Each structure stands twice: as structure tokens, then as C-alpha cells.
Amino acid sequence: MSSQTPEGKFKKSFCSDLRKLGCTVLQYQQGVGTVKGFPDTIVLLPEGLVVFIEFKASKTAKFQPLQKEWIQKLNDREYFAWVCYPGNRDEIMGEIKRLL
């Protein structure tokens, strides 16, 4: 995804804000040997917690096969996993700040 797309610009801004909070942000790239549908961003919080985020340009943006399934699997296993888009940005950022 290009940082010039609406999703890319939003993701870049959000990740920049996470880094300012002391988080380490890792980008998961799909390719040979990777898990299809896994969230595209892994956030390591300073307190040792891990957060998984799938970024979308909007609430109605299309999901790739297995993306929703992975978010649900991670949450079912008591990880923190969210779909983040501009309309819920403050909510997701608030949840992350709560974990710090």
C-alpha cells in the first residue's frame, strides 16, 4: 500500500502518533511464507503488551479474505486486535493509551 493512498496517509499519521507514545511499530508485509489475512501492523507497547491493527480507509472499506477472521482469532485469544479507520481513530488511540 502506498503512503499516498487515503489508507496509507491515515496509517502513516496514526503510526507516527504511536511512536511518539514510545511504541514500536512493525509493518507486516504479505509475501511468501506469511499468513494470509494477518493484521498489517504490530505495535509493541512499552509495557510489554502487543497490539495488532488492520488499517482501512473507511468503515465500509473492503476486507481481504481472512482479515476479519484473524482479528476475531486474536481477540478470542485475549490479544488486542482492532480494525482502525479515520472514523474510529480516537477510540482506538484511546484504547491503546489506556493500555500504556
C-alpha atoms as a PDB file:
ATOM      1  CA  MET A   1       0.000   0.000   0.000  1.00  0.00           C
ATOM      2  CA  SER A   2       1.357   3.374  -0.955  1.00  0.00           C
ATOM      3  CA  SER A   3       1.570   6.052   1.709  1.00  0.00           C
ATOM      4  CA  GLN A   4      -0.098   8.300  -0.893  1.00  0.00           C
ATOM      5  CA  THR A   5      -3.430   6.421  -0.734  1.00  0.00           C
ATOM      6  CA  PRO A   6      -6.025   7.653   1.789  1.00  0.00           C
ATOM      7  CA  GLU A   7      -5.415   4.493   3.834  1.00  0.00           C
ATOM      8  CA  GLY A   8      -1.645   4.940   3.601  1.00  0.00           C
ATOM      9  CA  LYS A   9      -1.757   8.571   4.714  1.00  0.00           C
ATOM     10  CA  PHE A  10      -4.019   7.711   7.638  1.00  0.00           C
ATOM     11  CA  LYS A  11      -1.841   4.769   8.659  1.00  0.00           C
ATOM     12  CA  LYS A  12       1.348   6.853   8.471  1.00  0.00           C
ATOM     13  CA  SER A  13      -0.155   9.553  10.714  1.00  0.00           C
ATOM     14  CA  PHE A  14      -1.545   7.064  13.236  1.00  0.00           C
ATOM     15  CA  CYS A  15       1.741   5.137  13.439  1.00  0.00           C
ATOM     16  CA  SER A  16       3.662   8.382  13.899  1.00  0.00           C
ATOM     17  CA  ASP A  17       1.453   9.203  16.890  1.00  0.00           C
ATOM     18  CA  LEU A  18       2.064   5.711  18.313  1.00  0.00           C
ATOM     19  CA  ARG A  19       5.825   6.191  18.071  1.00  0.00           C
ATOM     20  CA  LYS A  20       5.503   9.495  19.962  1.00  0.00           C
ATOM     21  CA  LEU A  21       3.918   7.479  22.794  1.00  0.00           C
ATOM     22  CA  GLY A  22       7.001   5.248  22.908  1.00  0.00           C
ATOM     23  CA  CYS A  23       5.537   2.342  20.934  1.00  0.00           C
ATOM     24  CA  THR A  24       7.487   0.287  18.417  1.00  0.00           C
ATOM     25  CA  VAL A  25       5.512  -0.114  15.199  1.00  0.00           C
ATOM     26  CA  LEU A  26       6.197  -3.066  12.902  1.00  0.00           C
ATOM     27  CA  GLN A  27       4.686  -3.422   9.435  1.00  0.00           C
ATOM     28  CA  TYR A  28       3.684  -6.956   8.493  1.00  0.00           C
ATOM     29  CA  GLN A  29       4.198  -7.456   4.755  1.00  0.00           C
ATOM     30  CA  GLN A  30       2.320 -10.146   2.881  1.00  0.00           C
ATOM     31  CA  GLY A  31       4.514 -12.418   0.821  1.00  0.00           C
ATOM     32  CA  VAL A  32       5.963 -15.875   0.537  1.00  0.00           C
ATOM     33  CA  GLY A  33       5.773 -17.702   3.847  1.00  0.00           C
ATOM     34  CA  THR A  34       3.464 -15.214   5.569  1.00  0.00           C
ATOM     35  CA  VAL A  35      -0.014 -15.790   6.961  1.00  0.00           C
ATOM     36  CA  LYS A  36      -2.776 -14.524   4.665  1.00  0.00           C
ATOM     37  CA  GLY A  37      -5.135 -12.009   6.249  1.00  0.00           C
ATOM     38  CA  PHE A  38      -2.966 -11.286   9.285  1.00  0.00           C
ATOM     39  CA  PRO A  39      -3.216  -7.666  10.532  1.00  0.00           C
ATOM     40  CA  ASP A  40      -0.791  -5.378   8.712  1.00  0.00           C
ATOM     41  CA  THR A  41       0.575  -3.583  11.772  1.00  0.00           C
ATOM     42  CA  ILE A  42       2.006  -4.970  15.005  1.00  0.00           C
ATOM     43  CA  VAL A  43       2.502  -2.490  17.841  1.00  0.00           C
ATOM     44  CA  LEU A  44       4.815  -3.246  20.761  1.00  0.00           C
ATOM     45  CA  LEU A  45       3.801  -1.156  23.756  1.00  0.00           C
ATOM     46  CA  PRO A  46       6.455  -0.015  26.252  1.00  0.00           C
ATOM     47  CA  GLU A  47       4.762  -2.071  28.989  1.00  0.00           C
ATOM     48  CA  GLY A  48       5.320  -5.307  27.052  1.00  0.00           C
ATOM     49  CA  LEU A  49       1.857  -5.696  25.543  1.00  0.00           C
ATOM     50  CA  VAL A  50       1.298  -6.347  21.840  1.00  0.00           C
ATOM     51  CA  VAL A  51      -1.452  -4.779  19.741  1.00  0.00           C
ATOM     52  CA  PHE A  52      -2.481  -5.824  16.226  1.00  0.00           C
ATOM     53  CA  ILE A  53      -4.086  -3.291  13.883  1.00  0.00           C
ATOM     54  CA  GLU A  54      -5.623  -3.693  10.443  1.00  0.00           C
ATOM     55  CA  PHE A  55      -5.883  -0.254   8.842  1.00  0.00           C
ATOM     56  CA  LYS A  56      -8.699   0.647   6.455  1.00  0.00           C
ATOM     57  CA  ALA A  57      -9.507   3.857   4.601  1.00  0.00           C
ATOM     58  CA  SER A  58     -13.087   3.839   5.922  1.00  0.00           C
ATOM     59  CA  LYS A  59     -15.593   1.822   7.933  1.00  0.00           C
ATOM     60  CA  THR A  60     -17.006   0.401   4.694  1.00  0.00           C
ATOM     61  CA  ALA A  61     -13.653  -0.466   3.058  1.00  0.00           C
ATOM     62  CA  LYS A  62     -13.392  -3.960   1.644  1.00  0.00           C
ATOM     63  CA  PHE A  63     -11.604  -6.647   3.625  1.00  0.00           C
ATOM     64  CA  GLN A  64      -9.319  -9.228   2.079  1.00  0.00           C
ATOM     65  CA  PRO A  65     -10.242 -12.862   2.690  1.00  0.00           C
ATOM     66  CA  LEU A  66      -9.368 -13.948   6.245  1.00  0.00           C
ATOM     67  CA  GLN A  67      -8.731 -10.438   7.653  1.00  0.00           C
ATOM     68  CA  LYS A  68     -11.865 -10.354   9.816  1.00  0.00           C
ATOM     69  CA  GLU A  69     -11.226 -13.957  10.829  1.00  0.00           C
ATOM     70  CA  TRP A  70      -7.712 -13.111  12.061  1.00  0.00           C
ATOM     71  CA  ILE A  71      -8.926 -10.112  14.062  1.00  0.00           C
ATOM     72  CA  GLN A  72     -11.520 -12.342  15.729  1.00  0.00           C
ATOM     73  CA  LYS A  73      -8.997 -15.154  16.384  1.00  0.00           C
ATOM     74  CA  LEU A  74      -6.565 -12.748  18.033  1.00  0.00           C
ATOM     75  CA  ASN A  75      -9.281 -11.199  20.213  1.00  0.00           C
ATOM     76  CA  ASP A  76     -10.592 -14.648  21.150  1.00  0.00           C
ATOM     77  CA  ARG A  77      -7.072 -15.476  22.381  1.00  0.00           C
ATOM     78  CA  GLU A  78      -7.128 -12.304  24.510  1.00  0.00           C
ATOM     79  CA  TYR A  79      -4.761 -10.280  22.356  1.00  0.00           C
ATOM     80  CA  PHE A  80      -5.680  -6.705  21.473  1.00  0.00           C
ATOM     81  CA  ALA A  81      -6.634  -6.552  17.788  1.00  0.00           C
ATOM     82  CA  TRP A  82      -8.594  -3.841  16.034  1.00  0.00           C
ATOM     83  CA  VAL A  83      -9.629  -2.557  12.640  1.00  0.00           C
ATOM     84  CA  CYS A  84      -8.752   1.145  12.558  1.00  0.00           C
ATOM     85  CA  TYR A  85     -10.113   3.757  10.138  1.00  0.00           C
ATOM     86  CA  PRO A  86     -10.447   7.549  10.375  1.00  0.00           C
ATOM     87  CA  GLY A  87     -13.924   7.341  11.934  1.00  0.00           C
ATOM     88  CA  ASN A  88     -12.763   5.302  14.934  1.00  0.00           C
ATOM     89  CA  ARG A  89      -9.226   6.704  15.215  1.00  0.00           C
ATOM     90  CA  ASP A  90      -9.793   8.431  18.550  1.00  0.00           C
ATOM     91  CA  GLU A  91     -11.473   5.360  20.028  1.00  0.00           C
ATOM     92  CA  ILE A  92      -8.601   3.039  19.039  1.00  0.00           C
ATOM     93  CA  MET A  93      -5.943   5.534  20.149  1.00  0.00           C
ATOM     94  CA  GLY A  94      -7.777   5.883  23.455  1.00  0.00           C
ATOM     95  CA  GLU A  95      -7.766   2.098  23.937  1.00  0.00           C
ATOM     96  CA  ILE A  96      -4.030   1.978  23.262  1.00  0.00           C
ATOM     97  CA  LYS A  97      -3.335   4.859  25.655  1.00  0.00           C
ATOM     98  CA  ARG A  98      -5.376   3.042  28.294  1.00  0.00           C
ATOM     99  CA  LEU A  99      -3.009   0.076  27.945  1.00  0.00           C
ATOM    100  CA  LEU A 100       0.107   2.208  28.459  1.00  0.00           C
END
